[in-house]
């Protein structure tokens, strides 16, 4: 949950960020409730916080004095958002997920890229129609282009060798 606070509104209501923190801590408690023990494992049980939705956070009473109630929605807003906005990826305003495949040293990059393309084709069959996939960067394009150039050079060299041998055989040298 991401809380956006408006400093001007907070000042108008006489609310500080500490007031907001204390209200959230007071109303959104997450406590350990015990554990389940087995022969080889131990699992901790915890009681989840009381607030789960943006509406519940927006209705949170931050400050109450002189029969005046200040809610979070009066000084800002709550919304479900990314935990870390610095690593949040968007393209043309649309949220996206990035996956990077880094081959191990000595691995065959082309085989790995082909396996990724094959796997993506399989995954696309199960994705909803509104989910689009794209490849941002594929360095195997350069490797493939280099291999293609080498093949072309070998073919040209082979043809030139045949032409030169035929020329020398025809001239009797």
N, C-alpha and C. Protein backbone atom coordinates (compact mmCIF):
# COMPACT_ATOMS: atom_id res chain seq x y z
N UNK A 1 0.86 -1.17 0.00
CA UNK A 1 0.00 0.00 0.00
C UNK A 1 0.90 1.23 0.00
N UNK A 2 0.61 2.17 -0.85
CA UNK A 2 1.40 3.40 -0.95
C UNK A 2 0.54 4.56 -0.46
N UNK A 3 1.06 5.33 0.49
CA UNK A 3 0.36 6.48 1.04
C UNK A 3 0.97 7.76 0.48
N UNK A 4 0.12 8.60 -0.15
CA UNK A 4 0.56 9.88 -0.71
C UNK A 4 0.00 10.98 0.19
N UNK A 5 0.88 11.76 0.78
CA UNK A 5 0.47 12.81 1.71
C UNK A 5 0.66 14.18 1.07
N UNK A 6 -0.31 15.07 1.28
CA UNK A 6 -0.26 16.43 0.77
C UNK A 6 0.20 17.35 1.91
N UNK A 7 1.41 17.91 1.84
CA UNK A 7 1.94 18.72 2.95
C UNK A 7 1.08 19.95 3.24
N UNK A 8 0.49 20.55 2.22
CA UNK A 8 -0.34 21.74 2.44
C UNK A 8 -1.58 21.37 3.24
N UNK A 9 -2.25 20.29 2.86
CA UNK A 9 -3.44 19.84 3.59
C UNK A 9 -3.07 19.40 5.00
N UNK A 10 -1.94 18.73 5.14
CA UNK A 10 -1.51 18.30 6.47
C UNK A 10 -1.29 19.50 7.38
N UNK A 11 -0.66 20.52 6.84
CA UNK A 11 -0.42 21.74 7.62
C UNK A 11 -1.74 22.39 8.02
N UNK A 12 -2.70 22.41 7.11
CA UNK A 12 -4.01 23.00 7.39
C UNK A 12 -4.75 22.28 8.51
N UNK A 13 -4.59 20.98 8.59
CA UNK A 13 -5.25 20.19 9.63
C UNK A 13 -4.37 20.04 10.87
N UNK A 14 -3.12 20.50 10.81
CA UNK A 14 -2.22 20.36 11.94
C UNK A 14 -1.77 18.93 12.15
N UNK A 15 -1.56 18.21 11.07
CA UNK A 15 -1.16 16.79 11.12
C UNK A 15 0.29 16.68 10.66
N UNK A 16 1.06 15.88 11.35
CA UNK A 16 2.45 15.63 10.97
C UNK A 16 2.60 14.22 10.41
N UNK A 17 3.69 13.96 9.70
CA UNK A 17 3.91 12.59 9.22
C UNK A 17 3.97 11.57 10.36
N UNK A 18 4.45 11.99 11.53
CA UNK A 18 4.49 11.09 12.69
C UNK A 18 3.07 10.71 13.11
N UNK A 19 2.12 11.66 13.02
CA UNK A 19 0.72 11.35 13.33
C UNK A 19 0.20 10.26 12.41
N UNK A 20 0.54 10.37 11.13
CA UNK A 20 0.10 9.37 10.15
C UNK A 20 0.74 8.02 10.47
N UNK A 21 2.03 8.02 10.74
CA UNK A 21 2.73 6.78 11.08
C UNK A 21 2.11 6.12 12.31
N UNK A 22 1.86 6.93 13.33
CA UNK A 22 1.29 6.37 14.56
C UNK A 22 -0.10 5.80 14.32
N UNK A 23 -0.91 6.47 13.49
CA UNK A 23 -2.25 5.98 13.19
C UNK A 23 -2.19 4.65 12.43
N UNK A 24 -1.29 4.57 11.48
CA UNK A 24 -1.14 3.32 10.71
C UNK A 24 -0.65 2.21 11.62
N UNK A 25 0.33 2.52 12.46
CA UNK A 25 0.84 1.51 13.40
C UNK A 25 -0.25 1.04 14.36
N UNK A 26 -1.07 1.98 14.80
CA UNK A 26 -2.12 1.66 15.78
C UNK A 26 -3.22 0.80 15.16
N UNK A 27 -3.61 1.09 13.94
CA UNK A 27 -4.75 0.41 13.32
C UNK A 27 -4.38 -0.77 12.43
N UNK A 28 -3.15 -0.85 12.02
CA UNK A 28 -2.75 -1.89 11.08
C UNK A 28 -1.68 -2.76 11.72
N UNK A 29 -2.05 -3.47 12.76
CA UNK A 29 -1.11 -4.26 13.55
C UNK A 29 -0.96 -5.65 12.94
N UNK A 30 0.26 -6.12 12.90
CA UNK A 30 0.54 -7.48 12.44
C UNK A 30 1.33 -8.15 13.55
N UNK A 31 0.73 -9.11 14.20
CA UNK A 31 1.34 -9.72 15.39
C UNK A 31 1.64 -11.19 15.16
N UNK A 32 2.74 -11.68 15.73
CA UNK A 32 2.94 -13.13 15.72
C UNK A 32 1.92 -13.78 16.65
N UNK A 33 1.30 -14.86 16.19
CA UNK A 33 0.25 -15.49 16.98
C UNK A 33 0.63 -16.85 17.53
N UNK A 34 1.81 -17.32 17.21
CA UNK A 34 2.22 -18.63 17.70
C UNK A 34 2.95 -19.38 16.63
N UNK A 35 3.02 -20.69 16.80
CA UNK A 35 3.72 -21.50 15.81
C UNK A 35 3.15 -22.91 15.80
N UNK A 36 3.43 -23.58 14.69
CA UNK A 36 3.07 -25.00 14.55
C UNK A 36 4.39 -25.75 14.49
N UNK A 37 4.53 -26.75 15.35
CA UNK A 37 5.80 -27.48 15.42
C UNK A 37 5.57 -28.92 14.98
N UNK A 38 6.50 -29.39 14.16
CA UNK A 38 6.48 -30.78 13.74
C UNK A 38 7.81 -31.41 14.07
N UNK A 39 8.02 -32.64 13.58
CA UNK A 39 9.27 -33.33 13.87
C UNK A 39 10.48 -32.62 13.27
N UNK A 40 10.32 -32.13 12.04
CA UNK A 40 11.46 -31.51 11.35
C UNK A 40 11.23 -30.06 10.96
N UNK A 41 10.03 -29.53 11.20
CA UNK A 41 9.75 -28.15 10.79
C UNK A 41 9.06 -27.38 11.90
N UNK A 42 9.17 -26.06 11.81
CA UNK A 42 8.45 -25.18 12.71
C UNK A 42 7.96 -23.99 11.88
N UNK A 43 6.66 -23.76 11.85
CA UNK A 43 6.07 -22.68 11.07
C UNK A 43 5.52 -21.63 12.01
N UNK A 44 5.80 -20.37 11.71
CA UNK A 44 5.29 -19.27 12.53
C UNK A 44 3.94 -18.83 11.99
N UNK A 45 2.98 -18.65 12.88
CA UNK A 45 1.65 -18.16 12.51
C UNK A 45 1.60 -16.70 12.91
N UNK A 46 1.06 -15.86 12.03
CA UNK A 46 0.94 -14.44 12.39
C UNK A 46 -0.45 -13.96 12.04
N UNK A 47 -0.91 -13.00 12.78
CA UNK A 47 -2.20 -12.37 12.54
C UNK A 47 -1.98 -11.22 11.58
N UNK A 48 -2.66 -11.27 10.45
CA UNK A 48 -2.47 -10.23 9.44
C UNK A 48 -3.11 -8.93 9.88
N UNK A 49 -2.61 -7.83 9.33
CA UNK A 49 -3.13 -6.51 9.66
C UNK A 49 -4.60 -6.38 9.38
N UNK A 50 -5.20 -5.39 9.98
CA UNK A 50 -6.64 -5.20 9.86
C UNK A 50 -7.04 -4.54 8.55
N UNK A 51 -6.16 -3.75 7.95
CA UNK A 51 -6.50 -3.02 6.72
C UNK A 51 -5.87 -3.69 5.52
N UNK A 52 -6.69 -3.89 4.47
CA UNK A 52 -6.20 -4.59 3.28
C UNK A 52 -6.42 -3.79 2.01
N UNK A 53 -7.37 -2.87 2.00
CA UNK A 53 -7.71 -2.15 0.78
C UNK A 53 -7.37 -0.68 0.91
N UNK A 54 -7.29 0.00 -0.24
CA UNK A 54 -7.02 1.44 -0.25
C UNK A 54 -8.13 2.19 0.46
N UNK A 55 -9.39 1.74 0.32
CA UNK A 55 -10.52 2.41 0.98
C UNK A 55 -10.36 2.35 2.50
N UNK A 56 -9.93 1.19 3.01
CA UNK A 56 -9.73 1.07 4.46
C UNK A 56 -8.64 2.02 4.95
N UNK A 57 -7.57 2.16 4.19
CA UNK A 57 -6.51 3.10 4.57
C UNK A 57 -7.01 4.54 4.46
N UNK A 58 -7.77 4.86 3.39
CA UNK A 58 -8.28 6.23 3.22
C UNK A 58 -9.25 6.60 4.34
N UNK A 59 -9.96 5.63 4.90
CA UNK A 59 -10.91 5.89 5.99
C UNK A 59 -10.23 5.93 7.36
N UNK A 60 -8.94 5.69 7.43
CA UNK A 60 -8.19 5.66 8.68
C UNK A 60 -8.25 7.02 9.38
N UNK A 61 -8.60 7.02 10.64
CA UNK A 61 -8.62 8.25 11.44
C UNK A 61 -7.18 8.53 11.88
N UNK A 62 -6.65 9.65 11.39
CA UNK A 62 -5.27 10.03 11.69
C UNK A 62 -5.20 10.85 12.97
N UNK A 63 -6.18 11.76 13.12
CA UNK A 63 -6.16 12.65 14.28
C UNK A 63 -7.60 12.97 14.66
N UNK A 64 -7.82 13.08 15.96
CA UNK A 64 -9.17 13.38 16.44
C UNK A 64 -9.02 14.34 17.63
N UNK A 65 -9.57 15.58 17.47
CA UNK A 65 -9.55 16.53 18.58
C UNK A 65 -10.71 17.52 18.41
N UNK A 66 -11.28 17.94 19.53
CA UNK A 66 -12.41 18.89 19.53
C UNK A 66 -13.54 18.43 18.62
N UNK A 67 -13.89 17.17 18.70
CA UNK A 67 -14.96 16.58 17.88
C UNK A 67 -14.71 16.72 16.39
N UNK A 68 -13.46 16.92 15.99
CA UNK A 68 -13.10 16.98 14.58
C UNK A 68 -12.25 15.76 14.25
N UNK A 69 -12.67 15.05 13.23
CA UNK A 69 -11.97 13.83 12.82
C UNK A 69 -11.22 14.12 11.51
N UNK A 70 -9.94 13.80 11.50
CA UNK A 70 -9.13 13.95 10.29
C UNK A 70 -8.79 12.56 9.80
N UNK A 71 -9.25 12.25 8.61
CA UNK A 71 -8.97 10.94 7.99
C UNK A 71 -7.81 11.08 7.00
N UNK A 72 -7.23 9.96 6.65
CA UNK A 72 -6.13 9.98 5.69
C UNK A 72 -6.59 10.60 4.38
N UNK A 73 -7.82 10.33 3.97
CA UNK A 73 -8.33 10.88 2.71
C UNK A 73 -8.42 12.41 2.75
N UNK A 74 -8.45 13.02 3.95
CA UNK A 74 -8.48 14.47 4.07
C UNK A 74 -7.12 15.10 3.80
N UNK A 75 -6.05 14.34 4.02
CA UNK A 75 -4.70 14.91 3.89
C UNK A 75 -3.87 14.23 2.80
N UNK A 76 -4.47 13.28 2.10
CA UNK A 76 -3.74 12.57 1.05
C UNK A 76 -4.59 11.43 0.51
N UNK A 77 -3.92 10.40 0.06
CA UNK A 77 -4.64 9.24 -0.47
C UNK A 77 -3.79 7.98 -0.33
N UNK A 78 -4.48 6.87 -0.32
CA UNK A 78 -3.82 5.57 -0.29
C UNK A 78 -4.13 4.86 -1.59
N UNK A 79 -3.14 4.17 -2.11
CA UNK A 79 -3.38 3.39 -3.32
C UNK A 79 -2.44 2.20 -3.34
N UNK A 80 -2.88 1.16 -4.01
CA UNK A 80 -2.04 -0.01 -4.16
C UNK A 80 -1.05 0.32 -5.27
N UNK A 81 0.22 0.13 -4.98
CA UNK A 81 1.25 0.47 -5.96
C UNK A 81 2.47 -0.39 -5.77
N UNK A 82 3.44 -0.13 -6.61
CA UNK A 82 4.70 -0.88 -6.55
C UNK A 82 5.43 -0.57 -5.26
N UNK A 83 6.09 -1.57 -4.72
CA UNK A 83 6.85 -1.37 -3.48
C UNK A 83 8.01 -0.42 -3.71
N UNK A 84 8.64 -0.54 -4.87
CA UNK A 84 9.79 0.31 -5.19
C UNK A 84 9.54 0.95 -6.54
N UNK A 85 9.23 2.24 -6.56
CA UNK A 85 8.90 2.91 -7.83
C UNK A 85 10.14 3.14 -8.69
N UNK A 86 11.34 3.04 -8.12
CA UNK A 86 12.54 3.22 -8.93
C UNK A 86 12.74 2.05 -9.89
N UNK A 87 12.26 0.87 -9.54
CA UNK A 87 12.43 -0.28 -10.42
C UNK A 87 11.13 -0.63 -11.15
N UNK A 88 10.17 0.27 -11.10
CA UNK A 88 8.87 0.07 -11.75
C UNK A 88 9.05 0.32 -13.24
N UNK A 89 8.67 -0.63 -14.07
CA UNK A 89 8.89 -0.51 -15.50
C UNK A 89 7.59 -0.16 -16.22
N UNK A 90 7.69 0.79 -17.15
CA UNK A 90 6.57 1.18 -17.98
C UNK A 90 7.07 1.40 -19.40
N UNK A 91 6.19 1.15 -20.36
CA UNK A 91 6.46 1.49 -21.75
C UNK A 91 5.21 2.16 -22.29
N UNK A 92 5.34 3.39 -22.71
CA UNK A 92 4.21 4.19 -23.18
C UNK A 92 3.11 4.26 -22.13
N UNK A 93 3.49 4.36 -20.86
CA UNK A 93 2.54 4.49 -19.78
C UNK A 93 1.89 3.19 -19.35
N UNK A 94 2.27 2.07 -19.95
CA UNK A 94 1.67 0.77 -19.64
C UNK A 94 2.66 -0.03 -18.78
N UNK A 95 2.21 -0.53 -17.61
CA UNK A 95 3.12 -1.32 -16.76
C UNK A 95 3.61 -2.56 -17.49
N UNK A 96 4.85 -2.93 -17.21
CA UNK A 96 5.42 -4.10 -17.87
C UNK A 96 6.34 -4.85 -16.91
N UNK A 97 6.68 -6.05 -17.32
CA UNK A 97 7.59 -6.89 -16.56
C UNK A 97 8.80 -7.15 -17.45
N UNK A 98 9.98 -7.02 -16.88
CA UNK A 98 11.19 -7.30 -17.63
C UNK A 98 11.87 -8.54 -17.11
N UNK A 99 12.34 -9.36 -18.03
CA UNK A 99 13.08 -10.57 -17.66
C UNK A 99 14.39 -10.53 -18.43
N UNK A 100 15.48 -10.73 -17.73
CA UNK A 100 16.80 -10.73 -18.35
C UNK A 100 17.38 -12.13 -18.23
N UNK A 101 17.82 -12.66 -19.37
CA UNK A 101 18.45 -13.98 -19.39
C UNK A 101 19.93 -13.76 -19.65
N UNK A 102 20.77 -14.16 -18.71
CA UNK A 102 22.22 -13.99 -18.84
C UNK A 102 22.86 -15.37 -18.87
N UNK A 103 23.39 -15.75 -20.02
CA UNK A 103 24.04 -17.07 -20.11
C UNK A 103 25.30 -17.15 -19.25
N UNK A 104 25.60 -18.33 -18.78
CA UNK A 104 26.82 -18.58 -18.02
C UNK A 104 28.01 -18.48 -18.98
N UNK A 105 29.19 -18.15 -18.46
CA UNK A 105 30.38 -18.11 -19.32
C UNK A 105 30.59 -19.46 -20.00
N UNK A 106 30.85 -19.41 -21.30
CA UNK A 106 31.09 -20.63 -22.07
C UNK A 106 29.82 -21.27 -22.60
N UNK A 107 28.67 -20.74 -22.26
CA UNK A 107 27.41 -21.32 -22.73
C UNK A 107 27.16 -20.89 -24.18
N UNK A 108 26.34 -21.65 -24.87
CA UNK A 108 25.98 -21.34 -26.25
C UNK A 108 24.82 -20.33 -26.24
N UNK A 109 25.14 -19.10 -26.54
CA UNK A 109 24.16 -18.02 -26.47
C UNK A 109 22.99 -18.25 -27.43
N UNK A 110 23.27 -18.75 -28.60
CA UNK A 110 22.21 -18.95 -29.60
C UNK A 110 21.24 -20.04 -29.15
N UNK A 111 21.76 -21.14 -28.62
CA UNK A 111 20.88 -22.21 -28.12
C UNK A 111 19.98 -21.69 -27.00
N UNK A 112 20.55 -20.88 -26.11
CA UNK A 112 19.77 -20.33 -25.00
C UNK A 112 18.70 -19.39 -25.53
N UNK A 113 19.07 -18.51 -26.48
CA UNK A 113 18.09 -17.58 -27.06
C UNK A 113 16.97 -18.35 -27.76
N UNK A 114 17.33 -19.39 -28.50
CA UNK A 114 16.30 -20.20 -29.17
C UNK A 114 15.37 -20.85 -28.16
N UNK A 115 15.93 -21.33 -27.05
CA UNK A 115 15.11 -21.94 -26.00
C UNK A 115 14.16 -20.90 -25.39
N UNK A 116 14.64 -19.67 -25.21
CA UNK A 116 13.79 -18.60 -24.66
C UNK A 116 12.65 -18.30 -25.63
N UNK A 117 12.96 -18.18 -26.93
CA UNK A 117 11.92 -17.92 -27.92
C UNK A 117 10.89 -19.05 -27.95
N UNK A 118 11.36 -20.30 -27.89
CA UNK A 118 10.43 -21.45 -27.87
C UNK A 118 9.55 -21.42 -26.63
N UNK A 119 10.15 -21.13 -25.48
CA UNK A 119 9.39 -21.09 -24.23
C UNK A 119 8.35 -19.96 -24.25
N UNK A 120 8.74 -18.82 -24.83
CA UNK A 120 7.80 -17.69 -24.92
C UNK A 120 6.60 -18.04 -25.81
N UNK A 121 6.84 -18.77 -26.88
CA UNK A 121 5.73 -19.21 -27.73
C UNK A 121 4.76 -20.08 -26.94
N UNK A 122 5.30 -20.97 -26.10
CA UNK A 122 4.44 -21.83 -25.27
C UNK A 122 3.67 -20.99 -24.26
N UNK A 123 4.33 -20.03 -23.64
CA UNK A 123 3.70 -19.19 -22.62
C UNK A 123 2.60 -18.33 -23.23
N UNK A 124 2.84 -17.80 -24.44
CA UNK A 124 1.87 -16.90 -25.08
C UNK A 124 0.53 -17.58 -25.30
N UNK A 125 0.52 -18.87 -25.48
CA UNK A 125 -0.74 -19.60 -25.68
C UNK A 125 -1.63 -19.52 -24.45
N UNK A 126 -1.02 -19.41 -23.25
CA UNK A 126 -1.77 -19.39 -22.00
C UNK A 126 -2.07 -17.98 -21.49
N UNK A 127 -1.48 -16.96 -22.10
CA UNK A 127 -1.69 -15.59 -21.65
C UNK A 127 -3.01 -15.02 -22.16
N UNK A 128 -3.63 -14.12 -21.41
CA UNK A 128 -4.83 -13.45 -21.92
C UNK A 128 -4.48 -12.62 -23.15
N UNK A 129 -5.49 -12.31 -23.95
CA UNK A 129 -5.25 -11.59 -25.20
C UNK A 129 -4.69 -10.19 -24.98
N UNK A 130 -5.01 -9.56 -23.84
CA UNK A 130 -4.55 -8.19 -23.63
C UNK A 130 -3.12 -8.12 -23.09
N UNK A 131 -2.49 -9.27 -22.85
CA UNK A 131 -1.10 -9.28 -22.40
C UNK A 131 -0.22 -9.48 -23.64
N UNK A 132 0.64 -8.50 -23.87
CA UNK A 132 1.52 -8.54 -25.03
C UNK A 132 2.94 -8.86 -24.60
N UNK A 133 3.68 -9.56 -25.45
CA UNK A 133 5.08 -9.85 -25.17
C UNK A 133 5.94 -9.22 -26.25
N UNK A 134 7.14 -8.85 -25.85
CA UNK A 134 8.06 -8.22 -26.78
C UNK A 134 9.48 -8.49 -26.28
N UNK A 135 10.44 -8.40 -27.17
CA UNK A 135 11.83 -8.58 -26.80
C UNK A 135 12.53 -7.23 -26.92
N UNK A 136 13.04 -6.75 -25.80
CA UNK A 136 13.68 -5.44 -25.78
C UNK A 136 15.07 -5.47 -26.41
N UNK A 137 15.86 -6.46 -26.07
CA UNK A 137 17.22 -6.52 -26.59
C UNK A 137 17.65 -7.98 -26.68
N UNK A 138 18.17 -8.34 -27.82
CA UNK A 138 18.66 -9.70 -28.03
C UNK A 138 20.04 -9.60 -28.68
N UNK A 139 21.09 -9.81 -27.87
CA UNK A 139 22.43 -9.66 -28.42
C UNK A 139 22.81 -10.80 -29.35
N UNK A 140 22.01 -11.86 -29.42
CA UNK A 140 22.32 -12.94 -30.35
C UNK A 140 22.06 -12.52 -31.79
N UNK A 141 21.35 -11.41 -32.01
CA UNK A 141 21.18 -10.91 -33.39
C UNK A 141 22.54 -10.61 -33.99
N UNK A 142 23.44 -10.03 -33.20
CA UNK A 142 24.77 -9.70 -33.69
C UNK A 142 25.60 -10.96 -33.91
N UNK A 143 25.43 -11.93 -33.02
CA UNK A 143 26.15 -13.19 -33.17
C UNK A 143 25.66 -13.90 -34.43
N UNK A 144 24.34 -13.93 -34.63
CA UNK A 144 23.77 -14.57 -35.82
C UNK A 144 24.24 -13.86 -37.09
N UNK A 145 24.29 -12.51 -37.06
CA UNK A 145 24.74 -11.76 -38.23
C UNK A 145 26.20 -12.08 -38.53
N UNK A 146 27.02 -12.21 -37.50
CA UNK A 146 28.44 -12.54 -37.70
C UNK A 146 28.59 -13.93 -38.30
N UNK A 147 27.82 -14.88 -37.81
CA UNK A 147 27.87 -16.25 -38.35
C UNK A 147 27.43 -16.25 -39.80
N UNK A 148 26.40 -15.49 -40.11
CA UNK A 148 25.92 -15.39 -41.49
C UNK A 148 27.00 -14.81 -42.41
N UNK A 149 27.70 -13.79 -41.92
CA UNK A 149 28.79 -13.18 -42.70
C UNK A 149 29.92 -14.18 -42.94
N UNK A 150 30.26 -14.96 -41.91
CA UNK A 150 31.32 -15.96 -42.06
C UNK A 150 30.90 -17.02 -43.09
N UNK A 151 29.64 -17.48 -43.02
CA UNK A 151 29.16 -18.46 -43.99
C UNK A 151 29.23 -17.91 -45.40
N UNK A 152 28.78 -16.66 -45.55
CA UNK A 152 28.80 -16.04 -46.88
C UNK A 152 30.23 -15.94 -47.40
N UNK A 153 31.17 -15.56 -46.54
CA UNK A 153 32.58 -15.44 -46.93
C UNK A 153 33.14 -16.79 -47.32
N UNK A 154 32.80 -17.84 -46.59
CA UNK A 154 33.28 -19.19 -46.92
C UNK A 154 32.73 -19.62 -48.28
N UNK A 155 31.44 -19.36 -48.55
CA UNK A 155 30.84 -19.73 -49.84
C UNK A 155 31.52 -18.98 -50.98
N UNK A 156 31.75 -17.69 -50.80
CA UNK A 156 32.40 -16.89 -51.84
C UNK A 156 33.83 -17.39 -52.07
N UNK A 157 34.55 -17.67 -50.99
CA UNK A 157 35.92 -18.18 -51.12
C UNK A 157 35.92 -19.52 -51.83
N UNK A 158 34.98 -20.39 -51.52
CA UNK A 158 34.88 -21.70 -52.17
C UNK A 158 34.64 -21.54 -53.67
N UNK A 159 33.72 -20.65 -54.01
CA UNK A 159 33.40 -20.42 -55.43
C UNK A 159 34.61 -19.82 -56.15
N UNK A 160 35.32 -18.87 -55.52
CA UNK A 160 36.50 -18.28 -56.13
C UNK A 160 37.61 -19.31 -56.33
N UNK A 161 37.79 -20.20 -55.36
CA UNK A 161 38.80 -21.26 -55.49
C UNK A 161 38.46 -22.15 -56.67
N UNK A 162 37.20 -22.52 -56.82
CA UNK A 162 36.78 -23.37 -57.95
C UNK A 162 37.02 -22.63 -59.27
N UNK A 163 36.67 -21.35 -59.32
CA UNK A 163 36.87 -20.57 -60.54
C UNK A 163 38.35 -20.48 -60.88
N UNK A 164 39.21 -20.19 -59.89
CA UNK A 164 40.65 -20.06 -60.13
C UNK A 164 41.24 -21.40 -60.55
N UNK A 165 40.86 -22.48 -59.91
CA UNK A 165 41.37 -23.82 -60.29
C UNK A 165 40.91 -24.15 -61.71
N UNK A 166 39.64 -23.85 -62.01
CA UNK A 166 39.13 -24.11 -63.37
C UNK A 166 39.89 -23.27 -64.38
N UNK A 167 40.18 -22.02 -64.05
CA UNK A 167 40.89 -21.11 -64.97
C UNK A 167 42.30 -21.65 -65.25
N UNK A 168 43.01 -22.06 -64.18
CA UNK A 168 44.36 -22.57 -64.35
C UNK A 168 44.36 -23.91 -65.08
N UNK A 169 43.35 -24.74 -64.85
CA UNK A 169 43.25 -26.03 -65.54
C UNK A 169 42.94 -25.81 -67.03
N UNK A 170 42.12 -24.82 -67.32
CA UNK A 170 41.73 -24.53 -68.70
C UNK A 170 42.91 -23.90 -69.47
N UNK A 171 43.73 -23.11 -68.80
CA UNK A 171 44.86 -22.46 -69.48
C UNK A 171 46.07 -23.38 -69.54
N UNK A 172 46.04 -24.44 -68.78
CA UNK A 172 47.11 -25.42 -68.80
C UNK A 172 48.34 -24.99 -68.03
N UNK A 173 48.21 -24.15 -67.08
CA UNK A 173 49.35 -23.68 -66.32
C UNK A 173 49.69 -24.65 -65.22
